[in-house]
Amino acid sequence: MKRRTFIQTGATAVAIAALPFGSALSQLAPMPKSRRNIHGSDMAYVDQGSGRPIVFLHGNPTSSYLWRNIIPYVTDTHRAIAPDMIGMGDSAKPDIDYTYEEQAAHLHGLLDELDLRDAVLVVHDWGSGLGFHYARTRPERVSGIVFMESTVPPFFPIPSYEALGPFEEFLRGVSTDGVGEEMVLKQNVFIDQFLRAGGTNKPLSDAIMAEYNRPFPTPESRKPVLQWPREIPIAGEPENVFAVADANNKWLVSSEVPKLLFHVSPGAMVPPQVAQHLEANVKNLEMVHLGPVGHFVQEDYPDEIGKGIADWLKRN
């Protein structure tokens, strides 16, 4: 059964103000983290509450900090886990290439180590590709998916650079040796430009930006941030990531696992036409339409997302 929900943000804000912990928007500090050694490197992760596990997976160029204002909505009744991907957040920064395969090996290794059962994955950006991959290959561990601004069909994998429209020039530059290093490693465009002003309704504060930047103090430390866009499957390359994305898409469409999509407009990865495709083709999907914003929906609609997840969990 498909369900469509339209959130009136003003009314929602009033209702949320009455919650016992108050507005999540006041939370600026990162949450305490646990650590596990995975493939010889420490991975850091938030681990709060108890009960059915809800796993929050970030993408590029963020960390578990992205979920700080959403996690409090589930920890009264569930266990919230939010890893930092390898090389990002407070996880170790080993001397690896940070390919998709290496990121998947570390994240999936951590989730396997935690021995999660009946888990719900809440995913965004590259965290969605990794999360769909995990759910598809560990069906005994995952029983629900919540996604937003994600690697979904028919947008992803991308048939050509030309299909990227206004993003074509940017991604061609990032993928070009020398040019990408200048843009991402030296100029820090993914955090200081794209994250700060390009994906939210208003620029993020200096305090929030300082925390997003903290794991990446040097050009060398930003290697994972550069590698992630070079792993985007465009015109069939990289071949291995294209194959994963194709398999993920088939699973997402056909799986009976309950799914919840938070949709915004214009977004970046799930524009309205993609949302319409998903609504028409994905089994057991509910959609929540939040409102206008770009890519980093968690910074503009944390209360609506948190409340929406909590309500959905009561039914799934």
C-alpha atoms as a PDB file:
ATOM      1  CA  MET A   1       0.000   0.000   0.000  1.00  0.00           C
ATOM      2  CA  LYS A   2       1.252   3.466  -0.867  1.00  0.00           C
ATOM      3  CA  ARG A   3       0.593   6.426   1.372  1.00  0.00           C
ATOM      4  CA  ARG A   4       1.245  10.071   0.562  1.00  0.00           C
ATOM      5  CA  THR A   5       1.592  12.658   3.310  1.00  0.00           C
ATOM      6  CA  PHE A   6       1.817  16.426   3.023  1.00  0.00           C
ATOM      7  CA  ILE A   7       3.366  18.170   6.014  1.00  0.00           C
ATOM      8  CA  GLN A   8       2.322  21.693   6.906  1.00  0.00           C
ATOM      9  CA  THR A   9       5.538  22.902   8.442  1.00  0.00           C
ATOM     10  CA  GLY A  10       4.067  25.669  10.545  1.00  0.00           C
ATOM     11  CA  ALA A  11       1.572  23.381  12.290  1.00  0.00           C
ATOM     12  CA  THR A  12       4.229  20.715  12.710  1.00  0.00           C
ATOM     13  CA  ALA A  13       6.586  23.170  14.381  1.00  0.00           C
ATOM     14  CA  VAL A  14       3.884  24.080  16.896  1.00  0.00           C
ATOM     15  CA  ALA A  15       3.216  20.435  17.722  1.00  0.00           C
ATOM     16  CA  ILE A  16       6.902  19.622  18.062  1.00  0.00           C
ATOM     17  CA  ALA A  17       7.501  22.488  20.462  1.00  0.00           C
ATOM     18  CA  ALA A  18       5.441  20.570  23.017  1.00  0.00           C
ATOM     19  CA  LEU A  19       7.684  17.503  22.936  1.00  0.00           C
ATOM     20  CA  PRO A  20       9.483  16.858  26.254  1.00  0.00           C
ATOM     21  CA  PHE A  21      12.974  17.383  24.894  1.00  0.00           C
ATOM     22  CA  GLY A  22      12.029  20.634  23.131  1.00  0.00           C
ATOM     23  CA  SER A  23      13.171  21.683  19.692  1.00  0.00           C
ATOM     24  CA  ALA A  24      15.919  19.530  18.246  1.00  0.00           C
ATOM     25  CA  LEU A  25      17.126  22.597  16.369  1.00  0.00           C
ATOM     26  CA  SER A  26      18.958  23.759  19.512  1.00  0.00           C
ATOM     27  CA  GLN A  27      21.418  20.850  19.344  1.00  0.00           C
ATOM     28  CA  LEU A  28      24.795  21.940  17.994  1.00  0.00           C
ATOM     29  CA  ALA A  29      27.311  19.689  19.750  1.00  0.00           C
ATOM     30  CA  PRO A  30      28.157  16.287  18.274  1.00  0.00           C
ATOM     31  CA  MET A  31      26.934  13.228  20.161  1.00  0.00           C
ATOM     32  CA  PRO A  32      29.277  10.882  22.110  1.00  0.00           C
ATOM     33  CA  LYS A  33      30.621   7.991  20.066  1.00  0.00           C
ATOM     34  CA  SER A  34      31.650   4.392  20.478  1.00  0.00           C
ATOM     35  CA  ARG A  35      34.364   2.674  18.419  1.00  0.00           C
ATOM     36  CA  ARG A  36      34.953  -0.690  16.763  1.00  0.00           C
ATOM     37  CA  ASN A  37      38.042  -1.900  14.919  1.00  0.00           C
ATOM     38  CA  ILE A  38      37.048  -2.890  11.388  1.00  0.00           C
ATOM     39  CA  HIS A  39      39.676  -4.146   8.924  1.00  0.00           C
ATOM     40  CA  GLY A  40      42.419  -2.709  11.113  1.00  0.00           C
ATOM     41  CA  SER A  41      40.931   0.787  11.492  1.00  0.00           C
ATOM     42  CA  ASP A  42      38.703   2.284  14.177  1.00  0.00           C
ATOM     43  CA  MET A  43      35.220   3.270  13.088  1.00  0.00           C
ATOM     44  CA  ALA A  44      33.296   5.735  15.243  1.00  0.00           C
ATOM     45  CA  TYR A  45      29.534   5.626  15.664  1.00  0.00           C
ATOM     46  CA  VAL A  46      26.783   7.151  17.773  1.00  0.00           C
ATOM     47  CA  ASP A  47      24.946   4.507  19.797  1.00  0.00           C
ATOM     48  CA  GLN A  48      22.030   5.720  21.937  1.00  0.00           C
ATOM     49  CA  GLY A  49      18.846   4.227  23.331  1.00  0.00           C
ATOM     50  CA  SER A  50      17.720   0.607  23.269  1.00  0.00           C
ATOM     51  CA  GLY A  51      15.317  -1.569  21.352  1.00  0.00           C
ATOM     52  CA  ARG A  52      14.875  -2.136  17.637  1.00  0.00           C
ATOM     53  CA  PRO A  53      17.921  -0.620  15.864  1.00  0.00           C
ATOM     54  CA  ILE A  54      17.526   2.431  13.636  1.00  0.00           C
ATOM     55  CA  VAL A  55      20.721   2.984  11.625  1.00  0.00           C
ATOM     56  CA  PHE A  56      21.412   6.454  10.222  1.00  0.00           C
ATOM     57  CA  LEU A  57      23.824   6.518   7.259  1.00  0.00           C
ATOM     58  CA  HIS A  58      25.305   9.808   6.043  1.00  0.00           C
ATOM     59  CA  GLY A  59      26.927  10.571   2.697  1.00  0.00           C
ATOM     60  CA  ASN A  60      29.437  13.032   1.282  1.00  0.00           C
ATOM     61  CA  PRO A  61      30.834  15.349   2.673  1.00  0.00           C
ATOM     62  CA  THR A  62      29.120  14.959   6.044  1.00  0.00           C
ATOM     63  CA  SER A  63      29.252  12.635   9.065  1.00  0.00           C
ATOM     64  CA  SER A  64      26.914  11.277  11.720  1.00  0.00           C
ATOM     65  CA  TYR A  65      26.588  14.933  12.809  1.00  0.00           C
ATOM     66  CA  LEU A  66      24.053  15.294   9.980  1.00  0.00           C
ATOM     67  CA  TRP A  67      21.534  13.307  12.054  1.00  0.00           C
ATOM     68  CA  ARG A  68      22.027  15.073  15.419  1.00  0.00           C
ATOM     69  CA  ASN A  69      18.611  16.776  15.351  1.00  0.00           C
ATOM     70  CA  ILE A  70      16.708  13.710  14.152  1.00  0.00           C
ATOM     71  CA  ILE A  71      18.079  10.944  16.383  1.00  0.00           C
ATOM     72  CA  PRO A  72      16.360  12.281  19.563  1.00  0.00           C
ATOM     73  CA  TYR A  73      12.965  11.471  18.076  1.00  0.00           C
ATOM     74  CA  VAL A  74      13.593   7.704  18.204  1.00  0.00           C
ATOM     75  CA  THR A  75      15.820   7.070  21.221  1.00  0.00           C
ATOM     76  CA  ASP A  76      12.972   6.859  23.756  1.00  0.00           C
ATOM     77  CA  THR A  77      11.765   3.658  22.096  1.00  0.00           C
ATOM     78  CA  HIS A  78      14.571   2.506  19.779  1.00  0.00           C
ATOM     79  CA  ARG A  79      18.327   2.094  19.562  1.00  0.00           C
ATOM     80  CA  ALA A  80      19.839   4.753  17.285  1.00  0.00           C
ATOM     81  CA  ILE A  81      23.157   3.970  15.569  1.00  0.00           C
ATOM     82  CA  ALA A  82      24.884   6.532  13.345  1.00  0.00           C
ATOM     83  CA  PRO A  83      28.313   5.557  11.965  1.00  0.00           C
ATOM     84  CA  ASP A  84      30.964   7.849  10.557  1.00  0.00           C
ATOM     85  CA  MET A  85      32.137   6.415   7.238  1.00  0.00           C
ATOM     86  CA  ILE A  86      35.792   5.432   7.098  1.00  0.00           C
ATOM     87  CA  GLY A  87      37.950   8.528   6.586  1.00  0.00           C
ATOM     88  CA  MET A  88      35.087  10.797   7.667  1.00  0.00           C
ATOM     89  CA  GLY A  89      33.813  12.189  10.946  1.00  0.00           C
ATOM     90  CA  ASP A  90      35.702  10.672  13.879  1.00  0.00           C
ATOM     91  CA  SER A  91      36.489   7.396  12.127  1.00  0.00           C
ATOM     92  CA  ALA A  92      40.118   6.601  11.315  1.00  0.00           C
ATOM     93  CA  LYS A  93      41.756   7.836   8.133  1.00  0.00           C
ATOM     94  CA  PRO A  94      43.830   4.895   6.891  1.00  0.00           C
ATOM     95  CA  ASP A  95      46.058   5.082   3.812  1.00  0.00           C
ATOM     96  CA  ILE A  96      43.548   3.612   1.354  1.00  0.00           C
ATOM     97  CA  ASP A  97      41.998   4.832  -1.895  1.00  0.00           C
ATOM     98  CA  TYR A  98      38.484   5.302  -0.406  1.00  0.00           C
ATOM     99  CA  THR A  99      36.780   3.558  -3.294  1.00  0.00           C
ATOM    100  CA  TYR A 100      33.182   2.444  -3.020  1.00  0.00           C
ATOM    101  CA  GLU A 101      34.326  -1.118  -2.355  1.00  0.00           C
ATOM    102  CA  GLU A 102      36.559  -0.008   0.531  1.00  0.00           C
ATOM    103  CA  GLN A 103      33.823   2.171   2.023  1.00  0.00           C
ATOM    104  CA  ALA A 104      31.334  -0.702   1.755  1.00  0.00           C
ATOM    105  CA  ALA A 105      33.750  -3.177   3.323  1.00  0.00           C
ATOM    106  CA  HIS A 106      34.249  -0.944   6.367  1.00  0.00           C
ATOM    107  CA  LEU A 107      30.633   0.125   6.864  1.00  0.00           C
ATOM    108  CA  HIS A 108      29.116  -3.284   6.191  1.00  0.00           C
ATOM    109  CA  GLY A 109      31.798  -4.840   8.384  1.00  0.00           C
ATOM    110  CA  LEU A 110      30.816  -2.534  11.240  1.00  0.00           C
ATOM    111  CA  LEU A 111      27.108  -3.302  10.878  1.00  0.00           C
ATOM    112  CA  ASP A 112      27.839  -7.033  10.737  1.00  0.00           C
ATOM    113  CA  GLU A 113      30.020  -6.709  13.841  1.00  0.00           C
ATOM    114  CA  LEU A 114      27.132  -5.054  15.673  1.00  0.00           C
ATOM    115  CA  ASP A 115      25.001  -8.107  14.727  1.00  0.00           C
ATOM    116  CA  LEU A 116      21.905  -6.025  14.022  1.00  0.00           C
ATOM    117  CA  ARG A 117      18.533  -7.697  13.522  1.00  0.00           C
ATOM    118  CA  ASP A 118      15.170  -6.234  12.462  1.00  0.00           C
ATOM    119  CA  ALA A 119      16.966  -2.966  11.675  1.00  0.00           C
ATOM    120  CA  VAL A 120      15.601   0.086   9.892  1.00  0.00           C
ATOM    121  CA  LEU A 121      18.107   1.988   7.755  1.00  0.00           C
ATOM    122  CA  VAL A 122      17.717   5.774   7.427  1.00  0.00           C
ATOM    123  CA  VAL A 123      19.860   6.848   4.486  1.00  0.00           C
ATOM    124  CA  HIS A 124      21.005   9.892   2.499  1.00  0.00           C
ATOM    125  CA  ASP A 125      23.365  10.534  -0.416  1.00  0.00           C
ATOM    126  CA  TRP A 126      26.102   7.845  -0.618  1.00  0.00           C
ATOM    127  CA  GLY A 127      24.776   6.422   2.647  1.00  0.00           C
ATOM    128  CA  SER A 128      21.779   5.333   0.570  1.00  0.00           C
ATOM    129  CA  GLY A 129      23.863   3.441  -1.976  1.00  0.00           C
ATOM    130  CA  LEU A 130      25.697   1.679   0.847  1.00  0.00           C
ATOM    131  CA  GLY A 131      22.456   1.145   2.759  1.00  0.00           C
ATOM    132  CA  PHE A 132      20.469  -0.279  -0.166  1.00  0.00           C
ATOM    133  CA  HIS A 133      23.443  -2.552  -0.877  1.00  0.00           C
ATOM    134  CA  TYR A 134      23.466  -3.758   2.733  1.00  0.00           C
ATOM    135  CA  ALA A 135      19.712  -4.349   2.863  1.00  0.00           C
ATOM    136  CA  ARG A 136      19.801  -6.221  -0.439  1.00  0.00           C
ATOM    137  CA  THR A 137      22.618  -8.542   0.615  1.00  0.00           C
ATOM    138  CA  ARG A 138      21.584  -9.016   4.286  1.00  0.00           C
ATOM    139  CA  PRO A 139      17.807  -9.417   4.120  1.00  0.00           C
ATOM    140  CA  GLU A 140      17.812 -11.235   7.456  1.00  0.00           C
ATOM    141  CA  ARG A 141      19.108  -8.083   9.173  1.00  0.00           C
ATOM    142  CA  VAL A 142      17.047  -5.246   7.630  1.00  0.00           C
ATOM    143  CA  SER A 143      13.268  -4.841   7.859  1.00  0.00           C
ATOM    144  CA  GLY A 144      12.707  -1.225   6.796  1.00  0.00           C
ATOM    145  CA  ILE A 145      14.204   1.621   4.755  1.00  0.00           C
ATOM    146  CA  VAL A 146      13.797   5.382   5.161  1.00  0.00           C
ATOM    147  CA  PHE A 147      15.461   7.414   2.416  1.00  0.00           C
ATOM    148  CA  MET A 148      15.870  10.987   1.223  1.00  0.00           C
ATOM    149  CA  GLU A 149      17.960  12.576  -1.539  1.00  0.00           C
ATOM    150  CA  SER A 150      19.255   9.141  -2.453  1.00  0.00           C
ATOM    151  CA  THR A 151      20.788   7.024  -5.226  1.00  0.00           C
ATOM    152  CA  VAL A 152      17.537   5.918  -6.831  1.00  0.00           C
ATOM    153  CA  PRO A 153      16.172   5.110 -10.290  1.00  0.00           C
ATOM    154  CA  PRO A 154      15.825   6.486 -12.901  1.00  0.00           C
ATOM    155  CA  PHE A 155      18.351   9.194 -11.933  1.00  0.00           C
ATOM    156  CA  PHE A 156      21.056   6.800 -10.742  1.00  0.00           C
ATOM    157  CA  PRO A 157      23.215   5.288 -12.239  1.00  0.00           C
ATOM    158  CA  ILE A 158      23.653   8.233 -14.597  1.00  0.00           C
ATOM    159  CA  PRO A 159      23.615   7.426 -18.328  1.00  0.00           C
ATOM    160  CA  SER A 160      25.935  10.263 -19.400  1.00  0.00           C
ATOM    161  CA  TYR A 161      27.541  13.492 -18.270  1.00  0.00           C
ATOM    162  CA  GLU A 162      25.087  15.370 -20.466  1.00  0.00           C
ATOM    163  CA  ALA A 163      22.209  13.877 -18.460  1.00  0.00           C
ATOM    164  CA  LEU A 164      23.496  15.741 -15.400  1.00  0.00           C
ATOM    165  CA  GLY A 165      22.264  19.054 -16.765  1.00  0.00           C
ATOM    166  CA  PRO A 166      23.579  21.931 -14.620  1.00  0.00           C
ATOM    167  CA  PHE A 167      25.823  19.534 -12.662  1.00  0.00           C
ATOM    168  CA  GLU A 168      27.714  18.375 -15.756  1.00  0.00           C
ATOM    169  CA  GLU A 169      30.522  20.932 -15.675  1.00  0.00           C
ATOM    170  CA  PHE A 170      31.045  20.512 -11.939  1.00  0.00           C
ATOM    171  CA  LEU A 171      31.304  16.723 -12.026  1.00  0.00           C
ATOM    172  CA  ARG A 172      33.502  16.748 -15.115  1.00  0.00           C
ATOM    173  CA  GLY A 173      35.857  19.064 -13.246  1.00  0.00           C
ATOM    174  CA  VAL A 174      35.876  16.969 -10.075  1.00  0.00           C
ATOM    175  CA  SER A 175      36.586  13.836 -12.123  1.00  0.00           C
ATOM    176  CA  THR A 176      39.535  15.411 -13.968  1.00  0.00           C
ATOM    177  CA  ASP A 177      43.016  14.767 -12.540  1.00  0.00           C
ATOM    178  CA  GLY A 178      44.469  17.957 -11.148  1.00  0.00           C
ATOM    179  CA  VAL A 179      41.250  19.939 -11.467  1.00  0.00           C
ATOM    180  CA  GLY A 180      39.380  17.855  -8.900  1.00  0.00           C
ATOM    181  CA  GLU A 181      42.296  18.055  -6.461  1.00  0.00           C
ATOM    182  CA  GLU A 182      42.289  21.843  -6.757  1.00  0.00           C
ATOM    183  CA  MET A 183      38.513  22.085  -6.289  1.00  0.00           C
ATOM    184  CA  VAL A 184      37.998  19.596  -3.464  1.00  0.00           C
ATOM    185  CA  LEU A 185      41.313  19.182  -1.650  1.00  0.00           C
ATOM    186  CA  LYS A 186      42.509  22.789  -1.808  1.00  0.00           C
ATOM    187  CA  GLN A 187      39.402  24.932  -2.261  1.00  0.00           C
ATOM    188  CA  ASN A 188      37.204  22.629  -0.150  1.00  0.00           C
ATOM    189  CA  VAL A 189      34.203  23.313  -2.397  1.00  0.00           C
ATOM    190  CA  PHE A 190      32.094  20.391  -1.168  1.00  0.00           C
ATOM    191  CA  ILE A 191      31.939  21.725   2.374  1.00  0.00           C
ATOM    192  CA  ASP A 192      32.603  25.461   2.193  1.00  0.00           C
ATOM    193  CA  GLN A 193      30.388  26.039  -0.855  1.00  0.00           C
ATOM    194  CA  PHE A 194      28.054  23.140  -1.667  1.00  0.00           C
ATOM    195  CA  LEU A 195      27.185  22.237   1.924  1.00  0.00           C
ATOM    196  CA  ARG A 196      27.219  25.720   3.417  1.00  0.00           C
ATOM    197  CA  ALA A 197      24.976  27.484   0.960  1.00  0.00           C
ATOM    198  CA  GLY A 198      24.116  25.242  -1.963  1.00  0.00           C
ATOM    199  CA  GLY A 199      21.962  22.595  -0.354  1.00  0.00           C
ATOM    200  CA  THR A 200      19.948  24.369   2.337  1.00  0.00           C
ATOM    201  CA  ASN A 201      17.386  27.167   2.445  1.00  0.00           C
ATOM    202  CA  LYS A 202      19.782  29.419   4.331  1.00  0.00           C
ATOM    203  CA  PRO A 203      23.534  29.314   4.955  1.00  0.00           C
ATOM    204  CA  LEU A 204      24.594  27.155   7.892  1.00  0.00           C
ATOM    205  CA  SER A 205      26.072  28.903  10.919  1.00  0.00           C
ATOM    206  CA  ASP A 206      29.800  29.181  11.574  1.00  0.00           C
ATOM    207  CA  ALA A 207      29.450  26.762  14.520  1.00  0.00           C
ATOM    208  CA  ILE A 208      27.778  24.085  12.404  1.00  0.00           C
ATOM    209  CA  MET A 209      30.253  24.557   9.573  1.00  0.00           C
ATOM    210  CA  ALA A 210      33.163  24.266  12.000  1.00  0.00           C
ATOM    211  CA  GLU A 211      31.942  20.825  13.062  1.00  0.00           C
ATOM    212  CA  TYR A 212      31.466  19.648   9.477  1.00  0.00           C
ATOM    213  CA  ASN A 213      34.954  20.903   8.651  1.00  0.00           C
ATOM    214  CA  ARG A 214      36.638  19.538  11.789  1.00  0.00           C
ATOM    215  CA  PRO A 215      37.452  16.064  10.339  1.00  0.00           C
ATOM    216  CA  PHE A 216      39.095  17.648   7.280  1.00  0.00           C
ATOM    217  CA  PRO A 217      41.718  20.174   8.457  1.00  0.00           C
ATOM    218  CA  THR A 218      44.165  19.603   5.577  1.00  0.00           C
ATOM    219  CA  PRO A 219      43.951  18.942   1.844  1.00  0.00           C
ATOM    220  CA  GLU A 220      45.236  15.403   2.414  1.00  0.00           C
ATOM    221  CA  SER A 221      42.465  14.668   4.924  1.00  0.00           C
ATOM    222  CA  ARG A 222      39.836  15.460   2.261  1.00  0.00           C
ATOM    223  CA  LYS A 223      40.781  12.501   0.089  1.00  0.00           C
ATOM    224  CA  PRO A 224      37.490  10.646   0.826  1.00  0.00           C
ATOM    225  CA  VAL A 225      35.494  13.759  -0.100  1.00  0.00           C
ATOM    226  CA  LEU A 226      37.172  13.827  -3.522  1.00  0.00           C
ATOM    227  CA  GLN A 227      36.923  10.083  -4.156  1.00  0.00           C
ATOM    228  CA  TRP A 228      33.185   9.885  -3.508  1.00  0.00           C
ATOM    229  CA  PRO A 229      32.147  11.926  -6.591  1.00  0.00           C
ATOM    230  CA  ARG A 230      34.666   9.981  -8.669  1.00  0.00           C
ATOM    231  CA  GLU A 231      32.783   6.815  -7.690  1.00  0.00           C
ATOM    232  CA  ILE A 232      29.492   8.086  -9.163  1.00  0.00           C
ATOM    233  CA  PRO A 233      28.584   5.671 -11.971  1.00  0.00           C
ATOM    234  CA  ILE A 234      28.322   7.746 -15.156  1.00  0.00           C
ATOM    235  CA  ALA A 235      28.076   6.141 -18.593  1.00  0.00           C
ATOM    236  CA  GLY A 236      28.818   2.725 -17.091  1.00  0.00           C
ATOM    237  CA  GLU A 237      31.975   3.682 -15.190  1.00  0.00           C
ATOM    238  CA  PRO A 238      33.191   2.690 -12.632  1.00  0.00           C
ATOM    239  CA  GLU A 239      31.848  -0.647 -13.805  1.00  0.00           C
ATOM    240  CA  ASN A 240      31.676  -2.238 -10.350  1.00  0.00           C
ATOM    241  CA  VAL A 241      29.703   0.671  -8.851  1.00  0.00           C
ATOM    242  CA  PHE A 242      27.372   0.696 -11.848  1.00  0.00           C
ATOM    243  CA  ALA A 243      26.634  -2.987 -11.217  1.00  0.00           C
ATOM    244  CA  VAL A 244      25.899  -2.344  -7.538  1.00  0.00           C
ATOM    245  CA  ALA A 245      23.627   0.598  -8.360  1.00  0.00           C
ATOM    246  CA  ASP A 246      21.730  -1.431 -10.954  1.00  0.00           C
ATOM    247  CA  ALA A 247      21.202  -4.301  -8.507  1.00  0.00           C
ATOM    248  CA  ASN A 248      20.166  -1.843  -5.779  1.00  0.00           C
ATOM    249  CA  ASN A 249      17.558  -0.292  -8.074  1.00  0.00           C
ATOM    250  CA  LYS A 250      16.002  -3.651  -8.919  1.00  0.00           C
ATOM    251  CA  TRP A 251      15.874  -4.518  -5.212  1.00  0.00           C
ATOM    252  CA  LEU A 252      14.385  -1.147  -4.226  1.00  0.00           C
ATOM    253  CA  VAL A 253      11.585  -1.451  -6.761  1.00  0.00           C
ATOM    254  CA  SER A 254      10.671  -5.082  -6.138  1.00  0.00           C
ATOM    255  CA  SER A 255      11.342  -5.650  -2.442  1.00  0.00           C
ATOM    256  CA  GLU A 256       8.388  -5.896  -0.089  1.00  0.00           C
ATOM    257  CA  VAL A 257      10.404  -4.242   2.704  1.00  0.00           C
ATOM    258  CA  PRO A 258       8.444  -1.222   4.029  1.00  0.00           C
ATOM    259  CA  LYS A 259       9.900   2.031   2.731  1.00  0.00           C
ATOM    260  CA  LEU A 260       9.471   5.714   3.559  1.00  0.00           C
ATOM    261  CA  LEU A 261      10.655   8.508   1.263  1.00  0.00           C
ATOM    262  CA  PHE A 262      11.036  12.104   2.416  1.00  0.00           C
ATOM    263  CA  HIS A 263      10.796  14.235  -0.701  1.00  0.00           C
ATOM    264  CA  VAL A 264      11.760  17.887  -1.197  1.00  0.00           C
ATOM    265  CA  SER A 265      11.693  20.211  -4.179  1.00  0.00           C
ATOM    266  CA  PRO A 266      13.789  20.909  -6.157  1.00  0.00           C
ATOM    267  CA  GLY A 267      16.251  18.633  -4.318  1.00  0.00           C
ATOM    268  CA  ALA A 268      19.301  17.405  -6.204  1.00  0.00           C
ATOM    269  CA  MET A 269      19.031  13.629  -6.504  1.00  0.00           C
ATOM    270  CA  VAL A 270      15.238  13.166  -6.238  1.00  0.00           C
ATOM    271  CA  PRO A 271      13.578  15.964  -8.227  1.00  0.00           C
ATOM    272  CA  PRO A 272       9.780  15.824  -8.660  1.00  0.00           C
ATOM    273  CA  GLN A 273       9.852  13.613 -11.763  1.00  0.00           C
ATOM    274  CA  VAL A 274      12.027  11.061  -9.972  1.00  0.00           C
ATOM    275  CA  ALA A 275       9.690  11.098  -6.961  1.00  0.00           C
ATOM    276  CA  GLN A 276       6.758  10.441  -9.301  1.00  0.00           C
ATOM    277  CA  HIS A 277       8.627   7.495 -10.850  1.00  0.00           C
ATOM    278  CA  LEU A 278       9.322   6.025  -7.417  1.00  0.00           C
ATOM    279  CA  GLU A 279       5.725   6.467  -6.291  1.00  0.00           C
ATOM    280  CA  ALA A 280       4.504   4.635  -9.382  1.00  0.00           C
ATOM    281  CA  ASN A 281       7.007   1.779  -9.299  1.00  0.00           C
ATOM    282  CA  VAL A 282       8.366   1.055  -5.794  1.00  0.00           C
ATOM    283  CA  LYS A 283       6.534  -1.548  -3.734  1.00  0.00           C
ATOM    284  CA  ASN A 284       5.357  -0.807  -0.190  1.00  0.00           C
ATOM    285  CA  LEU A 285       6.341   2.876  -0.322  1.00  0.00           C
ATOM    286  CA  GLU A 286       5.050   5.833   1.652  1.00  0.00           C
ATOM    287  CA  MET A 287       6.027   9.376   0.669  1.00  0.00           C
ATOM    288  CA  VAL A 288       6.234  12.484   2.809  1.00  0.00           C
ATOM    289  CA  HIS A 289       6.495  15.784   0.931  1.00  0.00           C
ATOM    290  CA  LEU A 290       8.351  18.260   3.119  1.00  0.00           C
ATOM    291  CA  GLY A 291       8.714  21.441   1.082  1.00  0.00           C
ATOM    292  CA  PRO A 292      11.378  23.466  -0.715  1.00  0.00           C
ATOM    293  CA  VAL A 293      15.098  22.815  -0.156  1.00  0.00           C
ATOM    294  CA  GLY A 294      18.161  21.459  -1.941  1.00  0.00           C
ATOM    295  CA  HIS A 295      20.172  18.385  -0.986  1.00  0.00           C
ATOM    296  CA  PHE A 296      20.819  18.577   2.779  1.00  0.00           C
ATOM    297  CA  VAL A 297      17.250  18.126   3.953  1.00  0.00           C
ATOM    298  CA  GLN A 298      18.256  17.233   7.519  1.00  0.00           C
ATOM    299  CA  GLU A 299      19.398  20.789   8.194  1.00  0.00           C
ATOM    300  CA  ASP A 300      16.093  22.354   7.103  1.00  0.00           C
ATOM    301  CA  TYR A 301      13.518  19.772   8.199  1.00  0.00           C
ATOM    302  CA  PRO A 302      14.965  17.873  11.194  1.00  0.00           C
ATOM    303  CA  ASP A 303      11.788  18.032  13.272  1.00  0.00           C
ATOM    304  CA  GLU A 304       9.527  16.984  10.415  1.00  0.00           C
ATOM    305  CA  ILE A 305      11.834  14.092   9.498  1.00  0.00           C
ATOM    306  CA  GLY A 306      12.247  12.981  13.100  1.00  0.00           C
ATOM    307  CA  LYS A 307       8.522  13.053  13.820  1.00  0.00           C
ATOM    308  CA  GLY A 308       7.773  11.404  10.479  1.00  0.00           C
ATOM    309  CA  ILE A 309      10.141   8.524  11.217  1.00  0.00           C
ATOM    310  CA  ALA A 310       8.732   8.063  14.726  1.00  0.00           C
ATOM    311  CA  ASP A 311       5.162   7.947  13.393  1.00  0.00           C
ATOM    312  CA  TRP A 312       6.093   5.538  10.589  1.00  0.00           C
ATOM    313  CA  LEU A 313       7.864   3.202  13.033  1.00  0.00           C
ATOM    314  CA  LYS A 314       4.586   2.796  14.952  1.00  0.00           C
ATOM    315  CA  ARG A 315       3.080   1.215  11.826  1.00  0.00           C
ATOM    316  CA  ASN A 316       6.090  -0.770  10.559  1.00  0.00           C
END
